[in-house]
Amino acid sequence: MAATTRPRERWLGQLLLRLHFYAAIFVAPFILISAASGALYALTPHLEQMIYADELTTPSDGVPLALAEQVAAADAHHGEDGTIAAVRPAPEVGDTTRVMYADDSLGEGETRAVFVDPATAEIRGDLTVYGTSGSLPVRTWIDQLHRNLHLGEVGRLYSELSASWLGVIAVAGLGLWVRRARRARRTRDMLRPDLRARGYRRTLSLHSSMGAWVLLGALFLSATGITWSQYGGANIGTIRGAFGFTTQAVSTQVPSNTEPAAGSAVDGGDEHAGHGGGEDGEHAAHEMETGGALVATAPGPSAIDDVLAAGQAVNIDTGLIEIRPPADADTAWVVEEIQRSYPTKVDAVAIDGASLEVVDRTDFADQDFAAKLTRWGIDLHMGSMFGLVNQLVLFVIASTLVAMIVWGYLMWWQRRPTGGGRGPARPPRRGALHRAPWWGVALVLLAAAGVGLMLPLMGVSLAAFVVVDTVVGRLRRTADAA
């Protein structure tokens, strides 16, 4: 009886091994690029501080001038025809104020930022910035490499494929690790590489033990990466909308003109447009909402200072803020917190510039739990939630993934036929589903269909793997028969 049931007991492990092998061989190059660029991106906040120190900081420590005076200095530098998209006051002593201008010659989500010394109104620099994160040119270049290989919307398919398959490969690898751990004398030996081994066994030990340590991180990066992908992210946004898990955005409509929508709902999927982790999408929305010059809806040039003071009297209590002017006389100013580190501060208030009355407000504490999870997931993925610690953890996870991919290909080569054989090793033995019980086949087909519907790009690539595998199998059987 044991001899007849043993093959059935092995079908799942064989299926996982074959899935892990094929997916890793064909998708690993995309994951390698994502992991390498992600590791580099994790370091960019500190790179920015070094490369752009002149623009970001100032030796002045005097009392800041009125914000309107700082904006006037930026206008004089930029030119009278400048259209201000947003203003970010210096958050601390020694930091500069950013006055950000819309520019049709720049890419989507990009603005031209003039950096002003808040104490002297001296212009410290003039750079292109991107997204709500305000990333500067070096970080933006790495961000776009990670996001779309600098190929635009078409290039986003690579990152979606990478994020979709990373989770599947990780889960399949976990299944294989558990199989080996059950046969090992001590489970703890599976959590550390066997450096005394040689050749294939040593590489396998490195690959599997490191995989166990970064499993949760890989699953997290996969899940959060998918949420702002092109097709899978849209499906997740649709599901969130269907269950009412939406992020409330502040309304800028002045009540005296049109009945306002109190806290209009924004589909969660829109937050994830671009790698800015929702920040790029939010920034684009802000531009559409406000993209005009500073409109003097309050008497005198001090309107922006009055609006800021009004916002601070409501729910703005952090130094990291962005002020967006109204597009016209029928819309309001917006003062919004942009502190992504913990505790998260992203409250916003819309202020009528003529009366300085509150038009609308949103508070992060009042958002539903799904919206909060989305925010926290984005910020963890980008390394902004816990600062340096968060960035170092991301760097270690991404770097380990790079090493694991290299070890995986090395194992493929080390298993090549010996004795004059050429080429890498053949894939694991096929036929697992033929030996599976009916319920096993049903579960596999159901899971494949569900994944294909939820993640269309992964579904198409999975179907392609099956077709290629079938064709190769037929050709090999024909060759062996001949």
Protein backbone atom coordinates (compact mmCIF):
# COMPACT_ATOMS: atom_id res chain seq x y z
CA MET A 1 0.00 0.00 0.00
CA ALA A 2 2.84 2.42 0.86
CA ALA A 3 4.44 1.88 -2.50
CA THR A 4 1.28 2.87 -4.33
CA THR A 5 0.48 5.97 -2.28
CA ARG A 6 3.96 7.44 -2.15
CA PRO A 7 3.89 8.94 -5.65
CA ARG A 8 0.65 10.72 -4.81
CA GLU A 9 2.13 12.14 -1.66
CA ARG A 10 4.96 13.67 -3.67
CA TRP A 11 2.90 15.41 -6.35
CA LEU A 12 2.65 18.76 -4.53
CA GLY A 13 6.37 19.00 -3.83
CA GLN A 14 7.18 18.16 -7.44
CA LEU A 15 4.67 20.74 -8.68
CA LEU A 16 6.12 23.41 -6.41
CA LEU A 17 9.65 22.55 -7.54
CA ARG A 18 8.71 22.80 -11.21
CA LEU A 19 6.78 26.05 -10.69
CA HIS A 20 9.64 27.55 -8.66
CA PHE A 21 12.14 26.49 -11.32
CA TYR A 22 10.30 27.78 -14.38
CA ALA A 23 9.14 31.02 -12.80
CA ALA A 24 12.61 31.74 -11.44
CA ILE A 25 14.33 31.01 -14.75
CA PHE A 26 12.12 33.27 -16.85
CA VAL A 27 11.00 35.96 -14.38
CA ALA A 28 14.08 36.23 -12.17
CA PRO A 29 15.80 38.75 -14.50
CA PHE A 30 12.90 41.16 -13.92
CA ILE A 31 12.99 40.57 -10.18
CA LEU A 32 16.76 41.07 -10.24
CA ILE A 33 16.35 44.53 -11.78
CA SER A 34 13.57 45.43 -9.35
CA ALA A 35 15.58 44.26 -6.35
CA ALA A 36 18.82 45.94 -7.40
CA SER A 37 17.15 49.26 -8.23
CA GLY A 38 15.05 48.98 -5.05
CA ALA A 39 18.17 48.49 -2.94
CA LEU A 40 19.69 51.55 -4.53
CA TYR A 41 16.47 53.54 -4.05
CA ALA A 42 16.53 52.77 -0.33
CA LEU A 43 19.78 54.74 -0.09
CA THR A 44 18.62 57.77 -2.09
CA PRO A 45 17.34 59.92 0.81
CA HIS A 46 20.91 60.05 2.15
CA LEU A 47 22.37 60.46 -1.33
CA GLU A 48 20.11 63.47 -1.82
CA GLN A 49 21.26 65.05 1.41
CA MET A 50 24.88 64.78 0.24
CA ILE A 51 24.46 65.67 -3.44
CA TYR A 52 21.97 68.51 -2.97
CA ALA A 53 23.15 69.91 0.35
CA ASP A 54 23.38 73.45 -1.07
CA GLU A 55 19.75 73.40 -2.20
CA LEU A 56 18.27 71.60 0.81
CA THR A 57 20.08 73.39 3.62
CA THR A 58 21.21 76.88 4.55
CA PRO A 59 23.74 78.20 7.08
CA SER A 60 21.29 80.92 8.16
CA ASP A 61 19.59 80.47 11.52
CA GLY A 62 17.75 83.76 11.80
CA VAL A 63 14.02 84.36 12.21
CA PRO A 64 12.17 83.28 9.04
CA LEU A 65 10.71 86.00 6.86
CA ALA A 66 7.03 86.02 6.05
CA LEU A 67 6.22 83.20 3.64
CA ALA A 68 4.86 85.73 1.16
CA GLU A 69 8.29 87.42 1.03
CA GLN A 70 10.00 84.10 0.36
CA VAL A 71 7.53 83.38 -2.45
CA ALA A 72 8.14 86.84 -3.90
CA ALA A 73 11.90 86.12 -4.00
CA ALA A 74 11.25 82.83 -5.80
CA ASP A 75 8.96 84.62 -8.27
CA ALA A 76 11.66 87.17 -9.00
CA HIS A 77 14.11 84.36 -9.72
CA HIS A 78 11.70 82.25 -11.75
CA GLY A 79 10.00 85.01 -13.71
CA GLU A 80 6.68 86.79 -13.51
CA ASP A 81 4.90 84.22 -15.70
CA GLY A 82 5.46 81.42 -13.22
CA THR A 83 2.49 79.28 -12.18
CA ILE A 84 2.90 78.14 -8.61
CA ALA A 85 1.74 74.57 -7.97
CA ALA A 86 2.69 74.37 -4.28
CA VAL A 87 4.80 75.89 -1.53
CA ARG A 88 6.61 73.90 1.16
CA PRO A 89 7.81 76.07 4.04
CA ALA A 90 11.13 75.16 5.65
CA PRO A 91 10.24 72.50 8.25
CA GLU A 92 13.16 73.26 10.57
CA VAL A 93 15.90 75.81 11.13
CA GLY A 94 18.63 75.18 8.57
CA ASP A 95 16.22 73.89 5.91
CA THR A 96 15.12 75.75 2.80
CA THR A 97 11.64 76.64 1.59
CA ARG A 98 10.50 75.13 -1.71
CA VAL A 99 8.37 77.09 -4.12
CA MET A 100 7.23 74.69 -6.83
CA TYR A 101 6.16 75.83 -10.29
CA ALA A 102 4.16 73.97 -12.90
CA ASP A 103 6.08 73.61 -16.17
CA ASP A 104 4.64 72.16 -19.37
CA SER A 105 8.12 71.15 -20.53
CA LEU A 106 8.50 68.70 -17.61
CA GLY A 107 7.18 65.17 -17.29
CA GLU A 108 4.04 64.03 -15.51
CA GLY A 109 4.22 64.66 -11.76
CA GLU A 110 7.27 66.91 -12.12
CA THR A 111 7.56 70.54 -11.07
CA ARG A 112 10.35 73.11 -11.02
CA ALA A 113 11.35 73.93 -7.46
CA VAL A 114 13.10 77.10 -6.38
CA PHE A 115 14.84 76.69 -3.01
CA VAL A 116 14.78 79.81 -0.80
CA ASP A 117 16.66 80.62 2.38
CA PRO A 118 13.78 81.41 4.77
CA ALA A 119 15.82 83.90 6.83
CA THR A 120 17.40 85.94 3.99
CA ALA A 121 15.26 85.10 0.91
CA GLU A 122 18.48 84.11 -0.88
CA ILE A 123 17.93 81.65 -3.73
CA ARG A 124 19.79 78.45 -2.89
CA GLY A 125 18.97 76.43 -5.99
CA ASP A 126 16.60 75.58 -8.82
CA LEU A 127 15.84 71.89 -9.54
CA THR A 128 13.21 69.60 -10.99
CA VAL A 129 11.32 67.68 -8.29
CA TYR A 130 8.95 64.74 -8.58
CA GLY A 131 5.92 63.55 -6.65
CA THR A 132 4.70 64.27 -3.16
CA SER A 133 7.96 62.86 -1.86
CA GLY A 134 9.65 65.79 -3.62
CA SER A 135 12.41 63.57 -4.95
CA LEU A 136 15.28 65.37 -6.65
CA PRO A 137 16.89 64.36 -9.98
CA VAL A 138 19.10 61.49 -8.75
CA ARG A 139 16.34 59.84 -6.74
CA THR A 140 13.85 60.44 -9.55
CA TRP A 141 16.15 58.71 -12.06
CA ILE A 142 16.53 55.66 -9.80
CA ASP A 143 12.80 55.72 -9.05
CA GLN A 144 11.91 55.65 -12.75
CA LEU A 145 14.41 52.83 -13.35
CA HIS A 146 12.75 50.82 -10.60
CA ARG A 147 9.28 51.71 -11.78
CA ASN A 148 9.43 51.38 -15.57
CA LEU A 149 13.04 51.10 -16.82
CA HIS A 150 12.65 54.65 -18.20
CA LEU A 151 10.30 53.26 -20.86
CA GLY A 152 7.12 54.99 -19.73
CA GLU A 153 3.83 53.13 -19.35
CA VAL A 154 5.04 50.17 -21.41
CA GLY A 155 7.94 49.71 -19.02
CA ARG A 156 5.55 49.39 -16.08
CA LEU A 157 4.69 45.91 -17.32
CA TYR A 158 8.13 44.72 -16.20
CA SER A 159 7.62 45.86 -12.61
CA GLU A 160 4.12 44.37 -12.48
CA LEU A 161 5.42 41.04 -13.75
CA SER A 162 8.20 41.19 -11.17
CA ALA A 163 5.93 42.06 -8.24
CA SER A 164 3.31 39.47 -9.22
CA TRP A 165 5.70 36.55 -9.55
CA LEU A 166 7.90 37.43 -6.57
CA GLY A 167 5.18 36.34 -4.15
CA VAL A 168 4.48 33.10 -6.03
CA ILE A 169 8.16 32.18 -6.21
CA ALA A 170 8.54 32.97 -2.50
CA VAL A 171 5.56 30.79 -1.51
CA ALA A 172 6.74 27.92 -3.71
CA GLY A 173 10.22 28.28 -2.20
CA LEU A 174 8.70 28.14 1.29
CA GLY A 175 6.99 24.87 0.39
CA LEU A 176 10.28 23.41 -0.81
CA TRP A 177 12.06 24.66 2.32
CA VAL A 178 9.47 22.98 4.55
CA ARG A 179 9.97 19.67 2.67
CA ARG A 180 13.73 19.82 3.22
CA ALA A 181 13.31 20.93 6.83
CA ARG A 182 11.15 17.87 7.59
CA ARG A 183 13.96 15.64 6.37
CA ALA A 184 16.71 17.56 8.14
CA ARG A 185 18.05 16.33 11.46
CA ARG A 186 17.73 19.80 12.99
CA THR A 187 15.44 22.52 11.63
CA ARG A 188 17.84 25.22 12.75
CA ASP A 189 20.36 23.88 10.24
CA MET A 190 17.94 25.09 7.55
CA LEU A 191 18.17 28.63 8.88
CA ARG A 192 21.90 29.01 8.42
CA PRO A 193 24.05 28.27 5.39
CA ASP A 194 26.31 25.25 5.47
CA LEU A 195 29.61 26.84 4.51
CA ARG A 196 31.44 23.53 4.89
CA ALA A 197 29.59 22.07 1.93
CA ARG A 198 30.93 22.44 -1.60
CA GLY A 199 29.49 22.98 -5.04
CA TYR A 200 25.76 22.62 -5.58
CA ARG A 201 24.99 21.70 -1.96
CA ARG A 202 26.67 24.83 -0.64
CA THR A 203 24.85 27.07 -3.13
CA LEU A 204 21.53 25.41 -2.29
CA SER A 205 22.18 25.94 1.42
CA LEU A 206 22.90 29.63 0.86
CA HIS A 207 19.85 30.06 -1.36
CA SER A 208 17.36 28.27 0.91
CA SER A 209 18.56 29.59 4.28
CA MET A 210 18.65 33.21 3.13
CA GLY A 211 15.25 32.74 1.53
CA ALA A 212 13.78 31.71 4.87
CA TRP A 213 15.04 34.93 6.50
CA VAL A 214 13.71 37.31 3.85
CA LEU A 215 10.45 35.47 3.09
CA LEU A 216 8.16 37.91 4.89
CA GLY A 217 9.96 40.89 3.40
CA ALA A 218 9.66 39.44 -0.11
CA LEU A 219 5.93 38.80 0.36
CA PHE A 220 5.46 42.34 1.67
CA LEU A 221 7.31 43.90 -1.27
CA SER A 222 5.32 41.76 -3.68
CA ALA A 223 1.95 42.68 -2.16
CA THR A 224 2.64 46.40 -1.90
CA GLY A 225 4.24 46.49 -5.34
CA ILE A 226 1.17 44.90 -6.91
CA THR A 227 -1.18 47.47 -5.39
CA TRP A 228 0.14 50.25 -7.60
CA SER A 229 0.75 48.13 -10.71
CA GLN A 230 -1.09 48.88 -13.93
CA TYR A 231 -3.57 45.99 -14.14
CA GLY A 232 -3.40 44.18 -10.82
CA GLY A 233 -3.47 47.50 -8.98
CA ALA A 234 -6.58 48.57 -10.89
CA ASN A 235 -8.34 45.37 -9.83
CA ILE A 236 -7.38 45.92 -6.20
CA GLY A 237 -8.67 49.48 -6.45
CA THR A 238 -11.97 48.20 -7.83
CA ILE A 239 -12.33 45.74 -4.95
CA ARG A 240 -11.55 48.43 -2.39
CA GLY A 241 -14.12 50.71 -3.98
CA ALA A 242 -16.75 47.95 -3.96
CA PHE A 243 -16.28 47.47 -0.20
CA GLY A 244 -16.13 51.20 0.48
CA PHE A 245 -12.49 51.12 1.53
CA THR A 246 -11.68 54.52 0.04
CA THR A 247 -9.33 57.32 1.01
CA GLN A 248 -11.06 60.62 1.72
CA ALA A 249 -9.57 63.62 -0.09
CA VAL A 250 -10.23 67.19 0.96
CA SER A 251 -12.74 69.07 -1.20
CA THR A 252 -11.66 72.50 -2.50
CA GLN A 253 -15.07 73.72 -3.69
CA VAL A 254 -16.05 76.94 -1.97
CA PRO A 255 -19.57 76.42 -0.50
CA SER A 256 -20.91 79.80 -1.61
CA ASN A 257 -20.51 78.79 -5.24
CA THR A 258 -21.50 75.13 -5.28
CA GLU A 259 -22.66 72.71 -2.63
CA PRO A 260 -19.41 71.00 -1.53
CA ALA A 261 -18.76 67.32 -1.28
CA ALA A 262 -17.55 66.83 2.27
CA GLY A 263 -14.40 64.82 1.90
CA SER A 264 -14.68 63.36 -1.57
CA ALA A 265 -13.69 59.72 -1.83
CA VAL A 266 -10.63 58.79 -3.83
CA ASP A 267 -10.27 55.22 -5.04
CA GLY A 268 -7.40 53.56 -3.22
CA GLY A 269 -5.87 52.38 -6.48
CA ASP A 270 -5.20 55.96 -7.58
CA GLU A 271 -2.89 56.42 -4.64
CA HIS A 272 -0.50 53.95 -6.20
CA ALA A 273 0.06 55.60 -9.55
CA GLY A 274 3.82 55.42 -9.93
CA HIS A 275 6.50 54.31 -7.56
CA GLY A 276 5.98 57.40 -5.49
CA GLY A 277 3.94 54.97 -3.49
CA GLY A 278 0.76 56.86 -3.97
CA GLU A 279 2.72 60.05 -3.79
CA ASP A 280 3.05 60.43 -7.53
CA GLY A 281 -0.66 59.88 -7.99
CA GLU A 282 -1.50 62.30 -5.18
CA HIS A 283 0.83 64.89 -6.66
CA ALA A 284 -0.80 64.62 -10.09
CA ALA A 285 -4.21 65.01 -8.46
CA HIS A 286 -3.01 68.14 -6.65
CA GLU A 287 -1.78 69.64 -9.91
CA MET A 288 -5.11 69.06 -11.62
CA GLU A 289 -6.88 70.48 -8.60
CA THR A 290 -4.79 73.60 -8.05
CA GLY A 291 -2.61 74.16 -11.09
CA GLY A 292 -2.87 77.97 -11.10
CA ALA A 293 -0.74 80.81 -9.86
CA LEU A 294 -1.17 82.23 -6.37
CA VAL A 295 -4.62 83.80 -6.51
CA ALA A 296 -4.98 86.88 -4.32
CA THR A 297 -8.36 85.93 -2.84
CA ALA A 298 -7.40 87.64 0.41
CA PRO A 299 -6.30 91.29 0.55
CA GLY A 300 -2.60 91.99 0.18
CA PRO A 301 0.44 89.77 -0.45
CA SER A 302 0.17 88.08 2.95
CA ALA A 303 -2.64 85.74 1.82
CA ILE A 304 -0.45 82.64 2.03
CA ASP A 305 0.64 83.46 5.58
CA ASP A 306 -2.97 84.03 6.65
CA VAL A 307 -4.05 80.75 5.04
CA LEU A 308 -1.22 78.86 6.77
CA ALA A 309 -2.15 80.36 10.14
CA ALA A 310 -5.79 79.39 9.56
CA GLY A 311 -4.79 75.82 8.77
CA GLN A 312 -2.57 75.59 11.83
CA ALA A 313 -5.52 76.65 13.95
CA VAL A 314 -7.52 73.66 12.66
CA ASN A 315 -5.52 70.43 12.24
CA ILE A 316 -2.07 71.26 10.85
CA ASP A 317 0.52 70.64 13.57
CA THR A 318 3.70 69.43 11.87
CA GLY A 319 6.48 71.31 10.10
CA LEU A 320 6.34 69.13 6.99
CA ILE A 321 3.48 70.71 5.06
CA GLU A 322 2.50 71.67 1.55
CA ILE A 323 0.35 74.68 0.66
CA ARG A 324 -1.47 74.59 -2.66
CA PRO A 325 -3.09 77.73 -4.07
CA PRO A 326 -6.59 77.75 -5.58
CA ALA A 327 -7.03 77.31 -9.31
CA ASP A 328 -9.57 80.17 -9.42
CA ALA A 329 -11.81 82.27 -7.24
CA ASP A 330 -14.29 79.40 -6.87
CA THR A 331 -11.86 77.04 -5.16
CA ALA A 332 -10.03 77.04 -1.86
CA TRP A 333 -6.44 76.89 -0.71
CA VAL A 334 -5.25 73.55 0.65
CA VAL A 335 -2.83 73.13 3.54
CA GLU A 336 -1.75 69.51 3.93
CA GLU A 337 0.65 67.64 6.16
CA ILE A 338 3.17 65.49 4.28
CA GLN A 339 4.94 63.75 7.16
CA ARG A 340 5.21 60.10 6.09
CA SER A 341 7.35 58.98 9.04
CA TYR A 342 5.68 57.46 12.08
CA PRO A 343 3.44 58.77 13.53
CA THR A 344 1.87 59.47 10.14
CA LYS A 345 0.64 63.03 9.74
CA VAL A 346 -1.29 63.62 6.53
CA ASP A 347 -4.21 65.75 7.73
CA ALA A 348 -5.46 68.38 5.30
CA VAL A 349 -7.68 71.44 5.42
CA ALA A 350 -9.20 73.59 2.66
CA ILE A 351 -9.39 77.32 3.42
CA ASP A 352 -11.50 79.95 1.65
CA GLY A 353 -8.94 82.66 0.88
CA ALA A 354 -11.51 85.46 0.99
CA SER A 355 -12.97 84.71 4.41
CA LEU A 356 -10.29 82.37 5.84
CA GLU A 357 -13.06 79.99 6.80
CA VAL A 358 -12.67 76.22 6.68
CA VAL A 359 -14.22 74.71 3.56
CA ASP A 360 -13.39 71.08 4.28
CA ARG A 361 -10.96 69.00 6.29
CA THR A 362 -9.71 65.42 6.40
CA ASP A 363 -7.99 63.78 9.34
CA PHE A 364 -5.90 60.64 9.06
CA ALA A 365 -7.31 59.39 12.36
CA ASP A 366 -10.80 59.34 10.81
CA GLN A 367 -9.84 57.34 7.70
CA ASP A 368 -10.99 53.71 7.52
CA PHE A 369 -8.52 51.01 8.47
CA ALA A 370 -7.98 49.91 4.85
CA ALA A 371 -6.96 53.45 3.90
CA LYS A 372 -4.54 53.56 6.82
CA LEU A 373 -3.05 50.21 5.85
CA THR A 374 -2.58 51.48 2.31
CA ARG A 375 -0.77 54.57 3.58
CA TRP A 376 1.46 52.58 5.92
CA GLY A 377 2.22 49.94 3.29
CA ILE A 378 3.25 52.63 0.80
CA ASP A 379 5.47 54.37 3.32
CA LEU A 380 7.12 51.16 4.50
CA HIS A 381 7.77 50.10 0.89
CA MET A 382 9.41 53.46 0.19
CA GLY A 383 11.45 53.47 3.38
CA SER A 384 9.97 56.65 4.79
CA MET A 385 7.95 55.34 7.73
CA PHE A 386 10.81 54.55 10.12
CA GLY A 387 13.58 56.51 8.49
CA LEU A 388 17.08 55.05 8.42
CA VAL A 389 16.06 51.75 10.07
CA ASN A 390 13.33 51.23 7.47
CA GLN A 391 15.75 52.04 4.64
CA LEU A 392 18.45 49.68 5.94
CA VAL A 393 15.95 46.82 6.26
CA LEU A 394 14.76 47.39 2.70
CA PHE A 395 18.35 47.51 1.47
CA VAL A 396 19.18 44.21 3.19
CA ILE A 397 16.04 42.47 1.87
CA ALA A 398 16.56 43.71 -1.69
CA SER A 399 20.28 42.87 -1.65
CA THR A 400 19.53 39.38 -0.35
CA LEU A 401 17.02 38.85 -3.15
CA VAL A 402 19.72 39.82 -5.65
CA ALA A 403 22.12 37.29 -4.10
CA MET A 404 19.45 34.57 -4.07
CA ILE A 405 18.74 35.06 -7.78
CA VAL A 406 22.45 34.78 -8.56
CA TRP A 407 22.67 31.61 -6.43
CA GLY A 408 19.60 30.23 -8.18
CA TYR A 409 21.15 30.57 -11.62
CA LEU A 410 24.41 29.18 -10.26
CA MET A 411 22.55 26.07 -9.03
CA TRP A 412 20.99 25.68 -12.46
CA TRP A 413 24.46 25.64 -13.98
CA GLN A 414 25.98 23.42 -11.30
CA ARG A 415 23.35 20.75 -11.94
CA ARG A 416 24.25 20.56 -15.63
CA PRO A 417 25.07 17.10 -17.03
CA THR A 418 28.61 15.94 -16.31
CA GLY A 419 30.90 13.78 -18.40
CA GLY A 420 31.01 16.01 -21.43
CA GLY A 421 27.40 17.22 -21.19
CA ARG A 422 26.67 20.72 -22.36
CA GLY A 423 24.27 23.38 -21.19
CA PRO A 424 22.52 23.89 -17.85
CA ALA A 425 20.43 21.35 -16.00
CA ARG A 426 17.09 20.16 -17.26
CA PRO A 427 13.95 21.29 -15.42
CA PRO A 428 12.48 19.09 -12.68
CA ARG A 429 10.50 16.06 -13.77
CA ARG A 430 7.02 16.81 -15.17
CA GLY A 431 3.77 14.93 -14.59
CA ALA A 432 2.94 16.08 -11.04
CA LEU A 433 -0.72 16.79 -11.83
CA HIS A 434 -1.12 13.35 -13.43
CA ARG A 435 -0.34 11.81 -10.04
CA ALA A 436 -2.39 14.31 -8.03
CA PRO A 437 -5.79 13.40 -6.57
CA TRP A 438 -8.83 15.00 -8.17
CA TRP A 439 -9.18 17.59 -5.41
CA GLY A 440 -5.53 18.57 -5.84
CA VAL A 441 -6.03 19.17 -9.55
CA ALA A 442 -9.20 21.17 -8.81
CA LEU A 443 -7.43 23.36 -6.26
CA VAL A 444 -4.51 24.05 -8.60
CA LEU A 445 -6.84 24.99 -11.47
CA LEU A 446 -8.99 27.14 -9.19
CA ALA A 447 -5.94 28.94 -7.80
CA ALA A 448 -4.53 29.51 -11.30
CA ALA A 449 -7.87 30.92 -12.52
CA GLY A 450 -8.20 33.20 -9.50
CA VAL A 451 -4.67 34.52 -9.83
CA GLY A 452 -5.13 35.02 -13.56
CA LEU A 453 -8.29 37.08 -13.03
CA MET A 454 -6.82 39.15 -10.23
CA LEU A 455 -3.38 39.59 -11.80
CA PRO A 456 -3.93 39.47 -15.58
CA LEU A 457 -0.28 39.91 -16.54
CA MET A 458 0.74 37.04 -14.32
CA GLY A 459 -2.11 34.92 -15.72
CA VAL A 460 -0.94 35.50 -19.29
CA SER A 461 2.67 34.67 -18.40
CA LEU A 462 1.57 31.53 -16.51
CA ALA A 463 -0.40 30.38 -19.56
CA ALA A 464 2.69 31.03 -21.69
CA PHE A 465 4.81 28.88 -19.35
CA VAL A 466 2.32 26.02 -19.67
CA VAL A 467 2.29 26.26 -23.47
CA VAL A 468 6.08 26.39 -23.70
CA ASP A 469 6.44 23.49 -21.27
CA THR A 470 3.94 21.40 -23.23
CA VAL A 471 5.64 22.08 -26.57
CA VAL A 472 9.11 21.34 -25.15
CA GLY A 473 7.83 18.12 -23.60
CA ARG A 474 6.36 16.91 -26.88
CA LEU A 475 9.54 17.74 -28.78
CA ARG A 476 11.69 15.86 -26.25
CA ARG A 477 9.43 12.82 -26.32
CA THR A 478 9.64 12.80 -30.11
CA ALA A 479 13.42 13.12 -29.99
CA ASP A 480 13.74 10.32 -27.42
CA ALA A 481 11.49 8.05 -29.46
CA ALA A 482 13.60 8.62 -32.55
